[in-house]
PDB file of N, CA and C in Angstrom:
ATOM      1  N   MET A   1      12.949  -2.136  19.462  1.00  0.00           N
ATOM      2  CA  MET A   1      11.613  -1.817  19.018  1.00  0.00           C
ATOM      3  C   MET A   1      11.627  -0.629  18.061  1.00  0.00           C
ATOM      4  N   LEU A   2      12.397   0.380  18.398  1.00  0.00           N
ATOM      5  CA  LEU A   2      12.457   1.559  17.555  1.00  0.00           C
ATOM      6  C   LEU A   2      13.139   1.259  16.227  1.00  0.00           C
ATOM      7  N   THR A   3      14.158   0.409  16.237  1.00  0.00           N
ATOM      8  CA  THR A   3      14.824   0.068  14.977  1.00  0.00           C
ATOM      9  C   THR A   3      13.892  -0.718  14.071  1.00  0.00           C
ATOM     10  N   SER A   4      13.015  -1.521  14.640  1.00  0.00           N
ATOM     11  CA  SER A   4      12.035  -2.248  13.836  1.00  0.00           C
ATOM     12  C   SER A   4      11.099  -1.279  13.131  1.00  0.00           C
ATOM     13  N   PHE A   5      10.733  -0.202  13.815  1.00  0.00           N
ATOM     14  CA  PHE A   5       9.887   0.818  13.203  1.00  0.00           C
ATOM     15  C   PHE A   5      10.586   1.470  12.019  1.00  0.00           C
ATOM     16  N   PHE A   6      11.867   1.789  12.178  1.00  0.00           N
ATOM     17  CA  PHE A   6      12.604   2.431  11.094  1.00  0.00           C
ATOM     18  C   PHE A   6      12.827   1.485   9.927  1.00  0.00           C
ATOM     19  N   VAL A   7      13.045   0.211  10.201  1.00  0.00           N
ATOM     20  CA  VAL A   7      13.207  -0.763   9.122  1.00  0.00           C
ATOM     21  C   VAL A   7      11.904  -0.889   8.352  1.00  0.00           C
ATOM     22  N   ASN A   8      10.782  -0.968   9.048  1.00  0.00           N
ATOM     23  CA  ASN A   8       9.477  -1.051   8.394  1.00  0.00           C
ATOM     24  C   ASN A   8       9.206   0.220   7.593  1.00  0.00           C
ATOM     25  N   SER A   9       9.478   1.378   8.184  1.00  0.00           N
ATOM     26  CA  SER A   9       9.218   2.639   7.498  1.00  0.00           C
ATOM     27  C   SER A   9      10.063   2.763   6.241  1.00  0.00           C
ATOM     28  N   ARG A  10      11.323   2.390   6.329  1.00  0.00           N
ATOM     29  CA  ARG A  10      12.202   2.483   5.164  1.00  0.00           C
ATOM     30  C   ARG A  10      11.716   1.567   4.055  1.00  0.00           C
ATOM     31  N   TYR A  11      11.353   0.340   4.402  1.00  0.00           N
ATOM     32  CA  TYR A  11      10.865  -0.612   3.408  1.00  0.00           C
ATOM     33  C   TYR A  11       9.587  -0.093   2.746  1.00  0.00           C
ATOM     34  N   VAL A  12       8.672   0.410   3.534  1.00  0.00           N
ATOM     35  CA  VAL A  12       7.399   0.902   3.001  1.00  0.00           C
ATOM     36  C   VAL A  12       7.622   2.146   2.135  1.00  0.00           C
ATOM     37  N   ILE A  13       8.497   3.037   2.543  1.00  0.00           N
ATOM     38  CA  ILE A  13       8.753   4.239   1.759  1.00  0.00           C
ATOM     39  C   ILE A  13       9.397   3.896   0.422  1.00  0.00           C
ATOM     40  N   VAL A  14      10.347   2.974   0.416  1.00  0.00           N
ATOM     41  CA  VAL A  14      10.994   2.577  -0.843  1.00  0.00           C
ATOM     42  C   VAL A  14       9.980   1.933  -1.783  1.00  0.00           C
ATOM     43  N   GLN A  15       9.153   1.024  -1.257  1.00  0.00           N
ATOM     44  CA  GLN A  15       8.159   0.363  -2.099  1.00  0.00           C
ATOM     45  C   GLN A  15       7.106   1.351  -2.582  1.00  0.00           C
ATOM     46  N   SER A  16       6.715   2.275  -1.726  1.00  0.00           N
ATOM     47  CA  SER A  16       5.723   3.285  -2.105  1.00  0.00           C
ATOM     48  C   SER A  16       6.261   4.190  -3.206  1.00  0.00           C
ATOM     49  N   THR A  17       7.527   4.546  -3.130  1.00  0.00           N
ATOM     50  CA  THR A  17       8.128   5.376  -4.167  1.00  0.00           C
ATOM     51  C   THR A  17       8.148   4.647  -5.505  1.00  0.00           C
ATOM     52  N   LYS A  18       8.485   3.368  -5.475  1.00  0.00           N
ATOM     53  CA  LYS A  18       8.453   2.576  -6.710  1.00  0.00           C
ATOM     54  C   LYS A  18       7.037   2.532  -7.287  1.00  0.00           C
ATOM     55  N   GLY A  19       6.052   2.317  -6.425  1.00  0.00           N
ATOM     56  CA  GLY A  19       4.670   2.279  -6.873  1.00  0.00           C
ATOM     57  C   GLY A  19       4.198   3.619  -7.415  1.00  0.00           C
ATOM     58  N   ALA A  20       4.621   4.700  -6.764  1.00  0.00           N
ATOM     59  CA  ALA A  20       4.231   6.033  -7.232  1.00  0.00           C
ATOM     60  C   ALA A  20       4.833   6.332  -8.602  1.00  0.00           C
ATOM     61  N   LEU A  21       6.055   5.880  -8.827  1.00  0.00           N
ATOM     62  CA  LEU A  21       6.661   6.079 -10.143  1.00  0.00           C
ATOM     63  C   LEU A  21       5.931   5.286 -11.224  1.00  0.00           C
ATOM     64  N   VAL A  22       5.511   4.080 -10.879  1.00  0.00           N
ATOM     65  CA  VAL A  22       4.710   3.293 -11.832  1.00  0.00           C
ATOM     66  C   VAL A  22       3.379   3.994 -12.090  1.00  0.00           C
ATOM     67  N   GLY A  23       2.739   4.481 -11.040  1.00  0.00           N
ATOM     68  CA  GLY A  23       1.478   5.205 -11.191  1.00  0.00           C
ATOM     69  C   GLY A  23       1.637   6.473 -12.006  1.00  0.00           C
ATOM     70  N   LEU A  24       2.763   7.158 -11.830  1.00  0.00           N
ATOM     71  CA  LEU A  24       3.034   8.358 -12.619  1.00  0.00           C
ATOM     72  C   LEU A  24       3.161   8.005 -14.099  1.00  0.00           C
ATOM     73  N   GLY A  25       3.868   6.908 -14.382  1.00  0.00           N
ATOM     74  CA  GLY A  25       3.992   6.473 -15.775  1.00  0.00           C
ATOM     75  C   GLY A  25       2.658   6.096 -16.384  1.00  0.00           C
ATOM     76  N   VAL A  26       1.858   5.371 -15.625  1.00  0.00           N
ATOM     77  CA  VAL A  26       0.532   4.965 -16.117  1.00  0.00           C
ATOM     78  C   VAL A  26      -0.362   6.188 -16.319  1.00  0.00           C
ATOM     79  N   GLY A  27      -0.334   7.113 -15.372  1.00  0.00           N
ATOM     80  CA  GLY A  27      -1.146   8.325 -15.496  1.00  0.00           C
ATOM     81  C   GLY A  27      -0.750   9.180 -16.683  1.00  0.00           C
ATOM     82  N   LEU A  28       0.551   9.372 -16.869  1.00  0.00           N
ATOM     83  CA  LEU A  28       1.015  10.153 -18.012  1.00  0.00           C
ATOM     84  C   LEU A  28       0.679   9.468 -19.333  1.00  0.00           C
ATOM     85  N   ALA A  29       0.867   8.155 -19.377  1.00  0.00           N
ATOM     86  CA  ALA A  29       0.540   7.413 -20.604  1.00  0.00           C
ATOM     87  C   ALA A  29      -0.963   7.477 -20.884  1.00  0.00           C
ATOM     88  N   GLY A  30      -1.782   7.396 -19.844  1.00  0.00           N
ATOM     89  CA  GLY A  30      -3.230   7.474 -20.029  1.00  0.00           C
ATOM     90  C   GLY A  30      -3.683   8.827 -20.533  1.00  0.00           C
ATOM     91  N   VAL A  31      -3.111   9.886 -19.966  1.00  0.00           N
ATOM     92  CA  VAL A  31      -3.468  11.234 -20.415  1.00  0.00           C
ATOM     93  C   VAL A  31      -2.972  11.458 -21.844  1.00  0.00           C
ATOM     94  N   TRP A  32      -1.786  10.994 -22.151  1.00  0.00           N
ATOM     95  CA  TRP A  32      -1.251  11.143 -23.509  1.00  0.00           C
ATOM     96  C   TRP A  32      -2.120  10.388 -24.516  1.00  0.00           C
ATOM     97  N   ALA A  33      -2.476   9.117 -24.175  1.00  0.00           N
ATOM     98  CA  ALA A  33      -3.297   8.316 -25.087  1.00  0.00           C
ATOM     99  C   ALA A  33      -4.696   8.919 -25.255  1.00  0.00           C
ATOM    100  N   ALA A  34      -5.262   9.419 -24.171  1.00  0.00           N
ATOM    101  CA  ALA A  34      -6.593  10.035 -24.264  1.00  0.00           C
ATOM    102  C   ALA A  34      -6.538  11.307 -25.108  1.00  0.00           C
ATOM    103  N   GLY A  35      -5.443  12.051 -25.005  1.00  0.00           N
ATOM    104  CA  GLY A  35      -5.294  13.253 -25.814  1.00  0.00           C
ATOM    105  C   GLY A  35      -5.140  12.932 -27.293  1.00  0.00           C
ATOM    106  N   LYS A  36      -4.523  11.809 -27.600  1.00  0.00           N
ATOM    107  CA  LYS A  36      -4.381  11.401 -28.999  1.00  0.00           C
ATOM    108  C   LYS A  36      -5.682  10.851 -29.565  1.00  0.00           C
ATOM    109  N   ARG A  37      -6.482  10.224 -28.705  1.00  0.00           N
ATOM    110  CA  ARG A  37      -7.667   9.505 -29.173  1.00  0.00           C
ATOM    111  C   ARG A  37      -8.907  10.389 -29.266  1.00  0.00           C
ATOM    112  N   TRP A  38      -9.161  11.205 -28.232  1.00  0.00           N
ATOM    113  CA  TRP A  38     -10.401  11.974 -28.163  1.00  0.00           C
ATOM    114  C   TRP A  38     -10.132  13.473 -28.255  1.00  0.00           C
ATOM    115  N   PRO A  39     -10.710  14.132 -29.244  1.00  0.00           N
ATOM    116  CA  PRO A  39     -10.525  15.586 -29.354  1.00  0.00           C
ATOM    117  C   PRO A  39     -11.122  16.351 -28.168  1.00  0.00           C
ATOM    118  N   ALA A  40     -12.178  15.837 -27.586  1.00  0.00           N
ATOM    119  CA  ALA A  40     -12.788  16.518 -26.437  1.00  0.00           C
ATOM    120  C   ALA A  40     -11.835  16.516 -25.237  1.00  0.00           C
ATOM    121  N   PHE A  41     -11.045  15.475 -25.099  1.00  0.00           N
ATOM    122  CA  PHE A  41     -10.090  15.417 -23.988  1.00  0.00           C
ATOM    123  C   PHE A  41      -8.990  16.467 -24.162  1.00  0.00           C
ATOM    124  N   ARG A  42      -8.606  16.732 -25.401  1.00  0.00           N
ATOM    125  CA  ARG A  42      -7.587  17.751 -25.665  1.00  0.00           C
ATOM    126  C   ARG A  42      -8.047  19.139 -25.253  1.00  0.00           C
ATOM    127  N   GLN A  43      -9.366  19.377 -25.264  1.00  0.00           N
ATOM    128  CA  GLN A  43      -9.897  20.688 -24.913  1.00  0.00           C
ATOM    129  C   GLN A  43     -10.073  20.885 -23.407  1.00  0.00           C
ATOM    130  N   MET A  44      -9.887  19.825 -22.656  1.00  0.00           N
ATOM    131  CA  MET A  44     -10.027  19.957 -21.202  1.00  0.00           C
ATOM    132  C   MET A  44      -8.859  20.763 -20.643  1.00  0.00           C
ATOM    133  N   PRO A  45      -9.091  21.477 -19.547  1.00  0.00           N
ATOM    134  CA  PRO A  45      -8.026  22.323 -18.992  1.00  0.00           C
ATOM    135  C   PRO A  45      -6.879  21.492 -18.417  1.00  0.00           C
ATOM    136  N   LEU A  46      -5.714  22.084 -18.416  1.00  0.00           N
ATOM    137  CA  LEU A  46      -4.515  21.423 -17.916  1.00  0.00           C
ATOM    138  C   LEU A  46      -4.620  21.008 -16.440  1.00  0.00           C
ATOM    139  N   PRO A  47      -5.236  21.825 -15.555  1.00  0.00           N
ATOM    140  CA  PRO A  47      -5.359  21.375 -14.160  1.00  0.00           C
ATOM    141  C   PRO A  47      -6.154  20.073 -14.017  1.00  0.00           C
ATOM    142  N   PHE A  48      -7.152  19.857 -14.864  1.00  0.00           N
ATOM    143  CA  PHE A  48      -7.907  18.610 -14.797  1.00  0.00           C
ATOM    144  C   PHE A  48      -7.039  17.423 -15.222  1.00  0.00           C
ATOM    145  N   LYS A  49      -6.246  17.604 -16.252  1.00  0.00           N
ATOM    146  CA  LYS A  49      -5.342  16.531 -16.695  1.00  0.00           C
ATOM    147  C   LYS A  49      -4.291  16.233 -15.625  1.00  0.00           C
ATOM    148  N   ALA A  50      -3.799  17.298 -14.989  1.00  0.00           N
ATOM    149  CA  ALA A  50      -2.834  17.106 -13.898  1.00  0.00           C
ATOM    150  C   ALA A  50      -3.483  16.378 -12.728  1.00  0.00           C
ATOM    151  N   PHE A  51      -4.754  16.655 -12.468  1.00  0.00           N
ATOM    152  CA  PHE A  51      -5.479  15.959 -11.411  1.00  0.00           C
ATOM    153  C   PHE A  51      -5.571  14.460 -11.719  1.00  0.00           C
ATOM    154  N   LEU A  52      -5.820  14.105 -12.963  1.00  0.00           N
ATOM    155  CA  LEU A  52      -5.886  12.692 -13.341  1.00  0.00           C
ATOM    156  C   LEU A  52      -4.544  11.998 -13.133  1.00  0.00           C
ATOM    157  N   VAL A  53      -3.465  12.650 -13.522  1.00  0.00           N
ATOM    158  CA  VAL A  53      -2.130  12.068 -13.336  1.00  0.00           C
ATOM    159  C   VAL A  53      -1.811  11.946 -11.849  1.00  0.00           C
ATOM    160  N   THR A  54      -2.145  12.974 -11.075  1.00  0.00           N
ATOM    161  CA  THR A  54      -1.885  12.948  -9.636  1.00  0.00           C
ATOM    162  C   THR A  54      -2.706  11.854  -8.950  1.00  0.00           C
ATOM    163  N   GLY A  55      -3.941  11.679  -9.388  1.00  0.00           N
ATOM    164  CA  GLY A  55      -4.774  10.625  -8.806  1.00  0.00           C
ATOM    165  C   GLY A  55      -4.217   9.240  -9.070  1.00  0.00           C
ATOM    166  N   ALA A  56      -3.742   9.009 -10.265  1.00  0.00           N
ATOM    167  CA  ALA A  56      -3.141   7.707 -10.579  1.00  0.00           C
ATOM    168  C   ALA A  56      -1.861   7.499  -9.772  1.00  0.00           C
ATOM    169  N   THR A  57      -1.055   8.548  -9.661  1.00  0.00           N
ATOM    170  CA  THR A  57       0.205   8.439  -8.917  1.00  0.00           C
ATOM    171  C   THR A  57      -0.057   8.154  -7.440  1.00  0.00           C
ATOM    172  N   ALA A  58      -0.933   8.920  -6.833  1.00  0.00           N
ATOM    173  CA  ALA A  58      -1.219   8.731  -5.405  1.00  0.00           C
ATOM    174  C   ALA A  58      -1.931   7.418  -5.146  1.00  0.00           C
ATOM    175  N   GLY A  59      -2.858   7.050  -6.007  1.00  0.00           N
ATOM    176  CA  GLY A  59      -3.592   5.802  -5.805  1.00  0.00           C
ATOM    177  C   GLY A  59      -2.703   4.582  -5.842  1.00  0.00           C
ATOM    178  N   VAL A  60      -1.843   4.511  -6.838  1.00  0.00           N
ATOM    179  CA  VAL A  60      -0.943   3.357  -6.936  1.00  0.00           C
ATOM    180  C   VAL A  60       0.085   3.398  -5.812  1.00  0.00           C
ATOM    181  N   GLY A  61       0.598   4.581  -5.487  1.00  0.00           N
ATOM    182  CA  GLY A  61       1.580   4.686  -4.407  1.00  0.00           C
ATOM    183  C   GLY A  61       1.031   4.246  -3.063  1.00  0.00           C
ATOM    184  N   VAL A  62      -0.179   4.655  -2.736  1.00  0.00           N
ATOM    185  CA  VAL A  62      -0.795   4.277  -1.455  1.00  0.00           C
ATOM    186  C   VAL A  62      -1.107   2.787  -1.422  1.00  0.00           C
ATOM    187  N   THR A  63      -1.604   2.255  -2.532  1.00  0.00           N
ATOM    188  CA  THR A  63      -1.913   0.822  -2.580  1.00  0.00           C
ATOM    189  C   THR A  63      -0.663  -0.018  -2.409  1.00  0.00           C
ATOM    190  N   VAL A  64       0.406   0.346  -3.081  1.00  0.00           N
ATOM    191  CA  VAL A  64       1.659  -0.405  -2.963  1.00  0.00           C
ATOM    192  C   VAL A  64       2.234  -0.263  -1.558  1.00  0.00           C
ATOM    193  N   ALA A  65       2.129   0.925  -0.962  1.00  0.00           N
ATOM    194  CA  ALA A  65       2.626   1.113   0.398  1.00  0.00           C
ATOM    195  C   ALA A  65       1.866   0.245   1.393  1.00  0.00           C
ATOM    196  N   ASP A  66       0.551   0.157   1.245  1.00  0.00           N
ATOM    197  CA  ASP A  66      -0.244  -0.672   2.146  1.00  0.00           C
ATOM    198  C   ASP A  66       0.120  -2.140   2.002  1.00  0.00           C
ATOM    199  N   ARG A  67       0.238  -2.602   0.777  1.00  0.00           N
ATOM    200  CA  ARG A  67       0.608  -4.001   0.558  1.00  0.00           C
ATOM    201  C   ARG A  67       2.019  -4.301   1.056  1.00  0.00           C
ATOM    202  N   ALA A  68       2.938  -3.347   0.892  1.00  0.00           N
ATOM    203  CA  ALA A  68       4.300  -3.545   1.377  1.00  0.00           C
ATOM    204  C   ALA A  68       4.333  -3.622   2.899  1.00  0.00           C
ATOM    205  N   SER A  69       3.540  -2.783   3.554  1.00  0.00           N
ATOM    206  CA  SER A  69       3.492  -2.816   5.013  1.00  0.00           C
ATOM    207  C   SER A  69       2.933  -4.145   5.511  1.00  0.00           C
ATOM    208  N   LEU A  70       1.863  -4.616   4.873  1.00  0.00           N
ATOM    209  CA  LEU A  70       1.296  -5.903   5.267  1.00  0.00           C
ATOM    210  C   LEU A  70       2.269  -7.047   5.012  1.00  0.00           C
ATOM    211  N   LYS A  71       2.970  -7.019   3.894  1.00  0.00           N
ATOM    212  CA  LYS A  71       3.947  -8.067   3.578  1.00  0.00           C
ATOM    213  C   LYS A  71       5.081  -8.060   4.596  1.00  0.00           C
ATOM    214  N   PHE A  72       5.561  -6.867   4.947  1.00  0.00           N
ATOM    215  CA  PHE A  72       6.634  -6.770   5.933  1.00  0.00           C
ATOM    216  C   PHE A  72       6.195  -7.349   7.276  1.00  0.00           C
ATOM    217  N   GLU A  73       4.999  -7.002   7.707  1.00  0.00           N
ATOM    218  CA  GLU A  73       4.519  -7.501   8.992  1.00  0.00           C
ATOM    219  C   GLU A  73       4.286  -9.005   8.958  1.00  0.00           C
ATOM    220  N   ARG A  74       3.753  -9.513   7.847  1.00  0.00           N
ATOM    221  CA  ARG A  74       3.548 -10.963   7.744  1.00  0.00           C
ATOM    222  C   ARG A  74       4.872 -11.705   7.752  1.00  0.00           C
ATOM    223  N   ASP A  75       5.842 -11.200   7.021  1.00  0.00           N
ATOM    224  CA  ASP A  75       7.144 -11.867   6.977  1.00  0.00           C
ATOM    225  C   ASP A  75       7.851 -11.805   8.317  1.00  0.00           C
ATOM    226  N   ARG A  76       7.704 -10.702   9.013  1.00  0.00           N
ATOM    227  CA  ARG A  76       8.447 -10.532  10.254  1.00  0.00           C
ATOM    228  C   ARG A  76       7.728 -11.098  11.475  1.00  0.00           C
ATOM    229  N   TYR A  77       6.406 -10.977  11.506  1.00  0.00           N
ATOM    230  CA  TYR A  77       5.695 -11.323  12.737  1.00  0.00           C
ATOM    231  C   TYR A  77       4.649 -12.424  12.599  1.00  0.00           C
ATOM    232  N   GLY A  78       4.027 -12.550  11.418  1.00  0.00           N
ATOM    233  CA  GLY A  78       2.821 -13.342  11.406  1.00  0.00           C
ATOM    234  C   GLY A  78       2.870 -14.688  10.743  1.00  0.00           C
ATOM    235  N   TYR A  79       3.423 -14.779   9.562  1.00  0.00           N
ATOM    236  CA  TYR A  79       3.325 -16.012   8.802  1.00  0.00           C
ATOM    237  C   TYR A  79       4.710 -16.489   8.413  1.00  0.00           C
ATOM    238  N   GLY A  80       4.885 -17.803   8.446  1.00  0.00           N
ATOM    239  CA  GLY A  80       6.153 -18.394   8.068  1.00  0.00           C
ATOM    240  C   GLY A  80       6.224 -18.628   6.576  1.00  0.00           C
ATOM    241  N   PRO A  81       7.302 -19.225   6.111  1.00  0.00           N
ATOM    242  CA  PRO A  81       7.460 -19.450   4.675  1.00  0.00           C
ATOM    243  C   PRO A  81       6.428 -20.416   4.106  1.00  0.00           C
ATOM    244  N   SER A  82       5.877 -21.294   4.926  1.00  0.00           N
ATOM    245  CA  SER A  82       4.891 -22.249   4.430  1.00  0.00           C
ATOM    246  C   SER A  82       3.481 -21.660   4.410  1.00  0.00           C
ATOM    247  N   GLY A  83       3.305 -20.455   4.922  1.00  0.00           N
ATOM    248  CA  GLY A  83       2.004 -19.819   4.930  1.00  0.00           C
ATOM    249  C   GLY A  83       1.196 -20.106   6.180  1.00  0.00           C
ATOM    250  N   GLU A  84       1.739 -20.879   7.100  1.00  0.00           N
ATOM    251  CA  GLU A  84       1.026 -21.180   8.341  1.00  0.00           C
ATOM    252  C   GLU A  84       1.299 -20.088   9.366  1.00  0.00           C
ATOM    253  N   LYS A  85       0.302 -19.815  10.175  1.00  0.00           N
ATOM    254  CA  LYS A  85       0.451 -18.789  11.198  1.00  0.00           C
ATOM    255  C   LYS A  85       1.398 -19.276  12.281  1.00  0.00           C
ATOM    256  N   LEU A  86       2.332 -18.409  12.647  1.00  0.00           N
ATOM    257  CA  LEU A  86       3.263 -18.731  13.714  1.00  0.00           C
ATOM    258  C   LEU A  86       2.625 -18.395  15.055  1.00  0.00           C
ATOM    259  N   ILE A  87       2.807 -19.248  16.022  1.00  0.00           N
ATOM    260  CA  ILE A  87       2.311 -18.993  17.370  1.00  0.00           C
ATOM    261  C   ILE A  87       3.485 -18.466  18.197  1.00  0.00           C
ATOM    262  N   LEU A  88       3.387 -17.206  18.545  1.00  0.00           N
ATOM    263  CA  LEU A  88       4.437 -16.619  19.366  1.00  0.00           C
ATOM    264  C   LEU A  88       4.211 -16.995  20.822  1.00  0.00           C
ATOM    265  N   PRO A  89       5.270 -17.159  21.594  1.00  0.00           N
ATOM    266  CA  PRO A  89       5.112 -17.621  22.979  1.00  0.00           C
ATOM    267  C   PRO A  89       4.216 -16.725  23.820  1.00  0.00           C
ATOM    268  N   HIS A  90       4.295 -15.428  23.660  1.00  0.00           N
ATOM    269  CA  HIS A  90       3.480 -14.549  24.496  1.00  0.00           C
ATOM    270  C   HIS A  90       2.032 -14.484  24.012  1.00  0.00           C
ATOM    271  N   ASP A  91       1.732 -14.965  22.807  1.00  0.00           N
ATOM    272  CA  ASP A  91       0.365 -14.969  22.290  1.00  0.00           C
ATOM    273  C   ASP A  91      -0.290 -16.348  22.349  1.00  0.00           C
ATOM    274  N   SER A  92       0.437 -17.362  22.775  1.00  0.00           N
ATOM    275  CA  SER A  92      -0.079 -18.720  22.677  1.00  0.00           C
ATOM    276  C   SER A  92      -1.269 -18.969  23.597  1.00  0.00           C
ATOM    277  N   ASP A  93      -1.382 -18.238  24.680  1.00  0.00           N
ATOM    278  CA  ASP A  93      -2.433 -18.494  25.646  1.00  0.00           C
ATOM    279  C   ASP A  93      -3.357 -17.286  25.786  1.00  0.00           C
ATOM    280  N   TRP A  94      -3.625 -16.591  24.693  1.00  0.00           N
ATOM    281  CA  TRP A  94      -4.356 -15.334  24.769  1.00  0.00           C
ATOM    282  C   TRP A  94      -5.824 -15.521  25.136  1.00  0.00           C
ATOM    283  N   LYS A  95      -6.441 -16.668  24.815  1.00  0.00           N
ATOM    284  CA  LYS A  95      -7.867 -16.859  25.097  1.00  0.00           C
ATOM    285  C   LYS A  95      -8.147 -16.890  26.592  1.00  0.00           C
ATOM    286  N   HIS A  96      -7.183 -17.321  27.363  1.00  0.00           N
ATOM    287  CA  HIS A  96      -7.381 -17.404  28.799  1.00  0.00           C
ATOM    288  C   HIS A  96      -7.113 -16.068  29.487  1.00  0.00           C
ATOM    289  N   LYS A  97      -6.502 -15.131  28.787  1.00  0.00           N
ATOM    290  CA  LYS A  97      -6.206 -13.830  29.371  1.00  0.00           C
ATOM    291  C   LYS A  97      -7.308 -12.810  29.101  1.00  0.00           C
ATOM    292  N   VAL A  98      -8.165 -13.071  28.120  1.00  0.00           N
ATOM    293  CA  VAL A  98      -9.195 -12.110  27.749  1.00  0.00           C
ATOM    294  C   VAL A  98     -10.434 -12.352  28.625  1.00  0.00           C
ATOM    295  N   ARG A  99     -10.945 -11.279  29.202  1.00  0.00           N
ATOM    296  CA  ARG A  99     -12.151 -11.399  30.015  1.00  0.00           C
ATOM    297  C   ARG A  99     -13.328 -10.995  29.144  1.00  0.00           C
ATOM    298  N   CYS A 100     -14.313 -11.850  29.087  1.00  0.00           N
ATOM    299  CA  CYS A 100     -15.489 -11.606  28.274  1.00  0.00           C
ATOM    300  C   CYS A 100     -16.599 -11.089  29.171  1.00  0.00           C
ATOM    301  N   PHE A 101     -17.001  -9.838  29.011  1.00  0.00           N
ATOM    302  CA  PHE A 101     -18.041  -9.263  29.845  1.00  0.00           C
ATOM    303  C   PHE A 101     -19.424  -9.601  29.300  1.00  0.00           C
ATOM    304  N   PHE A 102     -19.506  -9.979  28.026  1.00  0.00           N
ATOM    305  CA  PHE A 102     -20.789 -10.328  27.446  1.00  0.00           C
ATOM    306  C   PHE A 102     -21.140 -11.796  27.639  1.00  0.00           C
ATOM    307  N   CYS A 103     -20.182 -12.584  28.122  1.00  0.00           N
ATOM    308  CA  CYS A 103     -20.411 -14.025  28.249  1.00  0.00           C
ATOM    309  C   CYS A 103     -20.856 -14.415  29.649  1.00  0.00           C
ATOM    310  N   LEU A 104     -21.232 -13.482  30.478  1.00  0.00           N
ATOM    311  CA  LEU A 104     -21.635 -13.798  31.857  1.00  0.00           C
ATOM    312  C   LEU A 104     -23.001 -14.415  31.936  1.00  0.00           C
TER     313      LEU A 104
END
């Protein structure tokens, strides 16, 4: 169980780092292009420009990490190669194990 956690964490961290690097490139390119295009953007303070780059980097990194985590869990636990949900033996009879207090 613990090794599964480390495998998932490693996969998510690697994918998140790749996404953050892409976000960093997009953020830097956006700030550079905006500085070339609009004179008003060139007059903005450097901390604001750094905030824009940081926002793009963190946003893309978090989004890629979330998608990587979901993909890892689907591949490992939830969905098969055909896209159909796998029924695990311990989950196959879950409706009979749940007690409904509102259905009385």
